[in-house]
Amino acid sequence: MELTLNRVCYPTGSNGTLLLNGRWFCYTIELPWKENRRMVSCIPDGVYALKKRWSLRIGWHLHVQDVPNRSYILIHAFNNALMESKGCIAPVAIQTGHGIGLRSRVTLERLLAIAYDALKKKEPVFLTIKTIKNEEGGKQGR
């Protein structure tokens, strides 16, 4: 299963579109690009394997594997990247601002159902992240 995240980075947050096997699935929100600094930046462009993970704090989610110079980058539910994220990715149904969205929990549940089904069938699940130019024409991120 291939997920592709096409994102635009702004000074206050990043907004993306998540494609599932080439078809639109949902929107995403993340922190802004700040040179991949821990706790304050989104992660670099690249291709990452995803694994199923559970924690007491956030429940079931996806763990983004082998992020350069980072650990525990997750795909989980949140609605405001600056207030709730430490570098993770949230699927959302609606984007309401840079790094801000709505209905993250229900959107995550839809994503997890599909990703976990693929993983159960022993299919690899990959996330490709691509940063695109913002409206001002400058590419932000990597």
N, C-alpha and C. Protein backbone atom coordinates (compact mmCIF):
# COMPACT_ATOMS: atom_id res chain seq x y z
N MET A 1 0.85 -1.17 0.00
CA MET A 1 0.00 0.00 0.00
C MET A 1 0.89 1.23 0.00
N GLU A 2 0.58 2.16 -0.85
CA GLU A 2 1.39 3.37 -0.98
C GLU A 2 0.57 4.60 -0.61
N LEU A 3 1.05 5.34 0.38
CA LEU A 3 0.48 6.63 0.74
C LEU A 3 1.44 7.71 0.26
N THR A 4 0.89 8.75 -0.33
CA THR A 4 1.71 9.88 -0.77
C THR A 4 1.17 11.14 -0.11
N LEU A 5 2.05 11.85 0.59
CA LEU A 5 1.69 13.10 1.24
C LEU A 5 2.35 14.24 0.47
N ASN A 6 1.53 15.03 -0.21
CA ASN A 6 2.00 16.25 -0.88
C ASN A 6 1.65 17.40 0.04
N ARG A 7 2.68 18.10 0.51
CA ARG A 7 2.44 19.14 1.51
C ARG A 7 3.03 20.48 1.10
N VAL A 8 2.48 21.51 1.69
CA VAL A 8 2.99 22.88 1.57
C VAL A 8 3.32 23.34 2.97
N CYS A 9 4.53 23.86 3.16
CA CYS A 9 4.97 24.33 4.47
C CYS A 9 4.84 25.84 4.56
N TYR A 10 4.24 26.30 5.64
CA TYR A 10 4.08 27.72 5.94
C TYR A 10 4.78 28.00 7.26
N PRO A 11 5.01 29.24 7.61
CA PRO A 11 5.70 29.55 8.87
C PRO A 11 5.00 29.04 10.13
N THR A 12 3.68 28.88 10.08
CA THR A 12 2.95 28.47 11.29
C THR A 12 2.41 27.05 11.22
N GLY A 13 2.66 26.33 10.14
CA GLY A 13 2.20 24.94 10.04
C GLY A 13 2.22 24.47 8.60
N SER A 14 2.12 23.17 8.43
CA SER A 14 2.14 22.57 7.09
C SER A 14 0.81 21.89 6.83
N ASN A 15 0.33 22.04 5.59
CA ASN A 15 -0.92 21.42 5.16
C ASN A 15 -0.62 20.49 4.00
N GLY A 16 -1.27 19.34 4.02
CA GLY A 16 -1.03 18.37 2.96
C GLY A 16 -2.29 17.70 2.47
N THR A 17 -2.08 16.97 1.39
CA THR A 17 -3.10 16.10 0.82
C THR A 17 -2.53 14.70 0.83
N LEU A 18 -3.27 13.75 1.38
CA LEU A 18 -2.81 12.37 1.45
C LEU A 18 -3.51 11.55 0.38
N LEU A 19 -2.71 10.91 -0.47
CA LEU A 19 -3.22 10.04 -1.51
C LEU A 19 -3.02 8.60 -1.09
N LEU A 20 -3.99 7.76 -1.36
CA LEU A 20 -3.91 6.33 -1.09
C LEU A 20 -3.89 5.62 -2.44
N ASN A 21 -2.74 5.00 -2.74
CA ASN A 21 -2.55 4.34 -4.04
C ASN A 21 -2.92 5.28 -5.19
N GLY A 22 -2.51 6.55 -5.07
CA GLY A 22 -2.71 7.53 -6.13
C GLY A 22 -4.03 8.26 -6.12
N ARG A 23 -4.93 7.93 -5.21
CA ARG A 23 -6.24 8.59 -5.15
C ARG A 23 -6.38 9.38 -3.86
N TRP A 24 -7.05 10.54 -3.95
CA TRP A 24 -7.23 11.40 -2.78
C TRP A 24 -7.89 10.60 -1.65
N PHE A 25 -7.34 10.77 -0.43
CA PHE A 25 -7.92 10.11 0.74
C PHE A 25 -8.36 11.12 1.80
N CYS A 26 -7.47 12.05 2.15
CA CYS A 26 -7.79 13.03 3.18
C CYS A 26 -6.76 14.16 3.15
N TYR A 27 -6.94 15.11 4.02
CA TYR A 27 -5.96 16.17 4.23
C TYR A 27 -5.08 15.81 5.43
N THR A 28 -3.97 16.52 5.57
CA THR A 28 -3.10 16.33 6.73
C THR A 28 -2.67 17.69 7.26
N ILE A 29 -2.23 17.69 8.52
CA ILE A 29 -1.62 18.87 9.13
C ILE A 29 -0.36 18.43 9.86
N GLU A 30 0.62 19.34 9.89
CA GLU A 30 1.90 19.09 10.56
C GLU A 30 2.45 20.42 11.06
N LEU A 31 3.56 20.32 11.79
CA LEU A 31 4.32 21.50 12.17
C LEU A 31 4.96 22.13 10.93
N PRO A 32 5.43 23.37 11.02
CA PRO A 32 6.16 23.98 9.90
C PRO A 32 7.53 23.32 9.72
N TRP A 33 8.15 23.59 8.59
CA TRP A 33 9.51 23.10 8.36
C TRP A 33 10.49 23.99 9.12
N LYS A 34 11.26 23.42 10.02
CA LYS A 34 12.29 24.13 10.77
C LYS A 34 13.54 23.26 10.81
N GLU A 35 14.03 22.93 9.61
CA GLU A 35 15.29 22.20 9.44
C GLU A 35 15.33 20.86 10.16
N ASN A 36 14.17 20.20 10.27
CA ASN A 36 14.07 18.89 10.90
C ASN A 36 14.44 18.90 12.39
N ARG A 37 14.32 20.06 13.04
CA ARG A 37 14.63 20.13 14.47
C ARG A 37 13.56 19.38 15.27
N ARG A 38 14.03 18.61 16.22
CA ARG A 38 13.13 17.82 17.05
C ARG A 38 12.12 18.69 17.78
N MET A 39 10.91 18.18 17.85
CA MET A 39 9.81 18.77 18.62
C MET A 39 9.19 20.02 18.00
N VAL A 40 9.83 20.64 16.98
CA VAL A 40 9.29 21.89 16.42
C VAL A 40 9.15 21.87 14.90
N SER A 41 9.58 20.81 14.24
CA SER A 41 9.60 20.76 12.78
C SER A 41 8.88 19.52 12.26
N CYS A 42 8.32 19.67 11.05
CA CYS A 42 7.87 18.48 10.34
C CYS A 42 9.12 17.71 9.89
N ILE A 43 8.92 16.52 9.37
CA ILE A 43 10.05 15.67 8.99
C ILE A 43 10.43 15.89 7.53
N PRO A 44 11.64 15.48 7.12
CA PRO A 44 12.08 15.69 5.74
C PRO A 44 11.27 14.86 4.73
N ASP A 45 11.27 15.35 3.50
CA ASP A 45 10.73 14.57 2.40
C ASP A 45 11.45 13.23 2.35
N GLY A 46 10.77 12.22 1.88
CA GLY A 46 11.38 10.90 1.75
C GLY A 46 10.34 9.81 1.68
N VAL A 47 10.81 8.59 1.66
CA VAL A 47 9.95 7.41 1.65
C VAL A 47 10.16 6.66 2.96
N TYR A 48 9.08 6.41 3.66
CA TYR A 48 9.14 5.82 4.98
C TYR A 48 8.19 4.63 5.09
N ALA A 49 8.65 3.55 5.70
CA ALA A 49 7.77 2.43 6.02
C ALA A 49 6.93 2.80 7.23
N LEU A 50 5.71 2.28 7.29
CA LEU A 50 4.81 2.52 8.41
C LEU A 50 4.53 1.21 9.13
N LYS A 51 4.46 1.29 10.44
CA LYS A 51 4.18 0.12 11.28
C LYS A 51 3.02 0.43 12.22
N LYS A 52 2.28 -0.60 12.56
CA LYS A 52 1.19 -0.49 13.53
C LYS A 52 1.78 -0.28 14.92
N ARG A 53 1.15 0.61 15.71
CA ARG A 53 1.66 0.87 17.06
C ARG A 53 0.51 1.28 17.97
N TRP A 54 0.68 0.98 19.26
CA TRP A 54 -0.30 1.36 20.27
C TRP A 54 0.42 1.96 21.46
N SER A 55 -0.17 3.00 22.06
CA SER A 55 0.36 3.56 23.31
C SER A 55 -0.81 3.92 24.21
N LEU A 56 -0.55 3.98 25.51
CA LEU A 56 -1.60 4.36 26.46
C LEU A 56 -2.11 5.77 26.20
N ARG A 57 -1.20 6.67 25.85
CA ARG A 57 -1.57 8.08 25.70
C ARG A 57 -2.46 8.34 24.50
N ILE A 58 -2.14 7.73 23.33
CA ILE A 58 -2.90 8.08 22.12
C ILE A 58 -3.61 6.89 21.47
N GLY A 59 -3.48 5.71 22.03
CA GLY A 59 -4.17 4.55 21.45
C GLY A 59 -3.47 4.04 20.20
N TRP A 60 -4.25 3.47 19.28
CA TRP A 60 -3.70 2.92 18.04
C TRP A 60 -3.34 4.02 17.06
N HIS A 61 -2.21 3.83 16.38
CA HIS A 61 -1.71 4.81 15.43
C HIS A 61 -0.69 4.13 14.53
N LEU A 62 -0.05 4.91 13.66
CA LEU A 62 1.02 4.41 12.78
C LEU A 62 2.34 5.05 13.19
N HIS A 63 3.39 4.25 13.16
CA HIS A 63 4.73 4.71 13.49
C HIS A 63 5.51 4.85 12.19
N VAL A 64 6.02 6.05 11.93
CA VAL A 64 6.83 6.33 10.74
C VAL A 64 8.26 5.87 11.05
N GLN A 65 8.76 4.92 10.26
CA GLN A 65 10.03 4.28 10.53
C GLN A 65 11.23 5.04 9.94
N ASP A 66 12.34 5.00 10.65
CA ASP A 66 13.65 5.44 10.15
C ASP A 66 13.68 6.88 9.62
N VAL A 67 13.11 7.79 10.39
CA VAL A 67 13.18 9.21 10.05
C VAL A 67 14.56 9.73 10.46
N PRO A 68 15.31 10.34 9.54
CA PRO A 68 16.66 10.81 9.88
C PRO A 68 16.67 11.74 11.10
N ASN A 69 17.50 11.40 12.06
CA ASN A 69 17.73 12.21 13.27
C ASN A 69 16.48 12.45 14.11
N ARG A 70 15.47 11.60 13.97
CA ARG A 70 14.23 11.74 14.74
C ARG A 70 13.78 10.37 15.22
N SER A 71 12.96 10.36 16.25
CA SER A 71 12.39 9.11 16.73
C SER A 71 10.93 9.34 17.10
N TYR A 72 10.18 8.27 17.08
CA TYR A 72 8.76 8.29 17.43
C TYR A 72 7.97 9.35 16.69
N ILE A 73 8.15 9.39 15.39
CA ILE A 73 7.29 10.21 14.55
C ILE A 73 6.08 9.34 14.23
N LEU A 74 4.90 9.85 14.54
CA LEU A 74 3.68 9.07 14.46
C LEU A 74 2.66 9.72 13.53
N ILE A 75 1.74 8.92 13.06
CA ILE A 75 0.53 9.42 12.41
C ILE A 75 -0.58 9.15 13.42
N HIS A 76 -1.11 10.22 13.99
CA HIS A 76 -2.15 10.09 15.02
C HIS A 76 -3.06 11.30 14.96
N ALA A 77 -4.12 11.26 15.75
CA ALA A 77 -5.13 12.32 15.71
C ALA A 77 -4.70 13.54 16.53
N PHE A 78 -4.82 14.71 15.92
CA PHE A 78 -4.76 16.01 16.60
C PHE A 78 -5.32 17.04 15.63
N ASN A 79 -5.69 18.19 16.15
CA ASN A 79 -6.34 19.21 15.32
C ASN A 79 -5.56 20.52 15.21
N ASN A 80 -4.49 20.67 15.99
CA ASN A 80 -3.69 21.89 15.93
C ASN A 80 -2.23 21.50 16.13
N ALA A 81 -1.46 21.57 15.05
CA ALA A 81 -0.07 21.10 15.09
C ALA A 81 0.78 21.86 16.10
N LEU A 82 0.68 23.19 16.13
CA LEU A 82 1.53 23.95 17.05
C LEU A 82 1.23 23.63 18.52
N MET A 83 -0.02 23.31 18.82
CA MET A 83 -0.40 23.05 20.21
C MET A 83 -0.29 21.58 20.61
N GLU A 84 -0.40 20.66 19.63
CA GLU A 84 -0.53 19.25 19.99
C GLU A 84 0.52 18.32 19.39
N SER A 85 1.35 18.78 18.49
CA SER A 85 2.30 17.91 17.81
C SER A 85 3.73 18.17 18.25
N LYS A 86 4.53 17.13 18.17
CA LYS A 86 5.96 17.25 18.41
C LYS A 86 6.73 16.76 17.19
N GLY A 87 6.09 16.90 16.02
CA GLY A 87 6.71 16.47 14.77
C GLY A 87 5.90 15.44 14.02
N CYS A 88 4.76 15.07 14.55
CA CYS A 88 3.94 14.01 13.97
C CYS A 88 3.03 14.55 12.85
N ILE A 89 2.27 13.63 12.26
CA ILE A 89 1.37 13.92 11.15
C ILE A 89 -0.04 13.56 11.60
N ALA A 90 -1.00 14.44 11.33
CA ALA A 90 -2.40 14.14 11.64
C ALA A 90 -3.23 14.16 10.37
N PRO A 91 -3.99 13.10 10.13
CA PRO A 91 -4.97 13.15 9.05
C PRO A 91 -6.18 13.96 9.54
N VAL A 92 -6.74 14.79 8.68
CA VAL A 92 -7.92 15.58 9.04
C VAL A 92 -8.89 15.57 7.87
N ALA A 93 -10.17 15.81 8.18
CA ALA A 93 -11.19 15.87 7.14
C ALA A 93 -11.23 17.24 6.47
N ILE A 94 -10.92 18.27 7.26
CA ILE A 94 -10.99 19.66 6.78
C ILE A 94 -9.80 20.42 7.33
N GLN A 95 -9.15 21.24 6.50
CA GLN A 95 -8.09 22.13 6.98
C GLN A 95 -8.72 23.50 7.21
N THR A 96 -8.47 24.08 8.38
CA THR A 96 -9.07 25.37 8.71
C THR A 96 -8.03 26.47 8.85
N GLY A 97 -6.77 26.14 8.69
CA GLY A 97 -5.67 27.09 8.78
C GLY A 97 -4.38 26.34 8.55
N HIS A 98 -3.26 27.03 8.62
CA HIS A 98 -1.96 26.38 8.45
C HIS A 98 -1.67 25.52 9.68
N GLY A 99 -1.64 24.20 9.48
CA GLY A 99 -1.40 23.28 10.58
C GLY A 99 -2.59 23.08 11.49
N ILE A 100 -3.77 23.44 11.02
CA ILE A 100 -4.99 23.32 11.83
C ILE A 100 -6.07 22.63 11.00
N GLY A 101 -6.79 21.71 11.64
CA GLY A 101 -7.85 20.99 10.93
C GLY A 101 -8.92 20.49 11.87
N LEU A 102 -9.90 19.81 11.27
CA LEU A 102 -11.04 19.28 12.01
C LEU A 102 -11.25 17.80 11.71
N ARG A 103 -11.90 17.12 12.64
CA ARG A 103 -12.30 15.71 12.51
C ARG A 103 -11.11 14.78 12.29
N SER A 104 -10.08 14.99 13.06
CA SER A 104 -8.89 14.16 12.94
C SER A 104 -9.13 12.74 13.43
N ARG A 105 -9.84 12.57 14.53
CA ARG A 105 -10.04 11.22 15.09
C ARG A 105 -10.76 10.31 14.11
N VAL A 106 -11.85 10.75 13.53
CA VAL A 106 -12.61 9.91 12.61
C VAL A 106 -11.83 9.66 11.32
N THR A 107 -11.05 10.63 10.88
CA THR A 107 -10.23 10.45 9.68
C THR A 107 -9.11 9.45 9.96
N LEU A 108 -8.49 9.54 11.13
CA LEU A 108 -7.47 8.57 11.51
C LEU A 108 -8.06 7.15 11.54
N GLU A 109 -9.24 7.00 12.10
CA GLU A 109 -9.85 5.68 12.17
C GLU A 109 -10.05 5.08 10.78
N ARG A 110 -10.45 5.89 9.82
CA ARG A 110 -10.60 5.41 8.43
C ARG A 110 -9.25 4.96 7.87
N LEU A 111 -8.22 5.77 8.11
CA LEU A 111 -6.88 5.44 7.61
C LEU A 111 -6.34 4.18 8.27
N LEU A 112 -6.50 4.06 9.57
CA LEU A 112 -5.98 2.89 10.29
C LEU A 112 -6.67 1.61 9.82
N ALA A 113 -7.96 1.66 9.56
CA ALA A 113 -8.67 0.46 9.10
C ALA A 113 -8.05 -0.07 7.81
N ILE A 114 -7.74 0.81 6.89
CA ILE A 114 -7.16 0.41 5.61
C ILE A 114 -5.71 -0.04 5.77
N ALA A 115 -4.91 0.76 6.51
CA ALA A 115 -3.49 0.43 6.68
C ALA A 115 -3.32 -0.86 7.48
N TYR A 116 -4.09 -1.03 8.55
CA TYR A 116 -3.96 -2.24 9.36
C TYR A 116 -4.39 -3.48 8.59
N ASP A 117 -5.38 -3.34 7.72
CA ASP A 117 -5.80 -4.46 6.89
C ASP A 117 -4.66 -4.88 5.96
N ALA A 118 -3.98 -3.90 5.35
CA ALA A 118 -2.84 -4.21 4.47
C ALA A 118 -1.72 -4.88 5.27
N LEU A 119 -1.42 -4.35 6.44
CA LEU A 119 -0.35 -4.93 7.27
C LEU A 119 -0.70 -6.34 7.73
N LYS A 120 -1.97 -6.58 8.04
CA LYS A 120 -2.41 -7.92 8.44
C LYS A 120 -2.19 -8.93 7.31
N LYS A 121 -2.34 -8.46 6.07
CA LYS A 121 -2.12 -9.31 4.90
C LYS A 121 -0.64 -9.40 4.52
N LYS A 122 0.20 -8.84 5.39
CA LYS A 122 1.67 -8.85 5.17
C LYS A 122 2.09 -7.98 3.99
N GLU A 123 1.26 -7.01 3.62
CA GLU A 123 1.61 -6.05 2.58
C GLU A 123 2.38 -4.90 3.23
N PRO A 124 3.48 -4.47 2.63
CA PRO A 124 4.16 -3.31 3.20
C PRO A 124 3.33 -2.04 2.99
N VAL A 125 3.44 -1.13 3.93
CA VAL A 125 2.75 0.16 3.84
C VAL A 125 3.82 1.24 3.88
N PHE A 126 3.88 2.04 2.83
CA PHE A 126 4.88 3.09 2.71
C PHE A 126 4.23 4.45 2.61
N LEU A 127 4.92 5.45 3.14
CA LEU A 127 4.52 6.85 3.04
C LEU A 127 5.63 7.60 2.31
N THR A 128 5.26 8.24 1.20
CA THR A 128 6.19 9.11 0.48
C THR A 128 5.76 10.54 0.74
N ILE A 129 6.69 11.36 1.25
CA ILE A 129 6.40 12.76 1.56
C ILE A 129 7.11 13.63 0.53
N LYS A 130 6.34 14.56 -0.06
CA LYS A 130 6.87 15.52 -1.04
C LYS A 130 6.41 16.92 -0.66
N THR A 131 7.34 17.84 -0.53
CA THR A 131 6.99 19.23 -0.27
C THR A 131 6.89 19.96 -1.59
N ILE A 132 5.80 20.70 -1.76
CA ILE A 132 5.60 21.46 -3.00
C ILE A 132 5.68 22.95 -2.69
N LYS A 133 5.72 23.76 -3.71
CA LYS A 133 5.87 25.21 -3.53
C LYS A 133 4.62 25.81 -2.91
N ASN A 134 4.85 26.85 -2.10
CA ASN A 134 3.71 27.56 -1.53
C ASN A 134 3.24 28.66 -2.50
N GLU A 135 2.20 29.38 -2.13
CA GLU A 135 1.63 30.39 -3.02
C GLU A 135 2.61 31.49 -3.40
N GLU A 136 3.58 31.76 -2.54
CA GLU A 136 4.56 32.81 -2.82
C GLU A 136 5.63 32.33 -3.81
N GLY A 137 5.57 31.05 -4.20
CA GLY A 137 6.51 30.52 -5.18
C GLY A 137 7.78 29.95 -4.60
N GLY A 138 8.03 30.15 -3.33
CA GLY A 138 9.24 29.61 -2.73
C GLY A 138 9.01 28.24 -2.16
N LYS A 139 9.93 27.34 -2.40
CA LYS A 139 9.79 26.00 -1.82
C LYS A 139 10.29 26.04 -0.40
N GLN A 140 9.47 25.56 0.50
CA GLN A 140 9.87 25.44 1.89
C GLN A 140 9.94 23.97 2.22
N GLY A 141 10.69 23.62 3.20
CA GLY A 141 10.88 22.22 3.52
C GLY A 141 12.02 21.67 2.69
N ARG A 142 12.11 20.34 2.60
CA ARG A 142 13.21 19.74 1.86
C ARG A 142 12.70 19.06 0.62
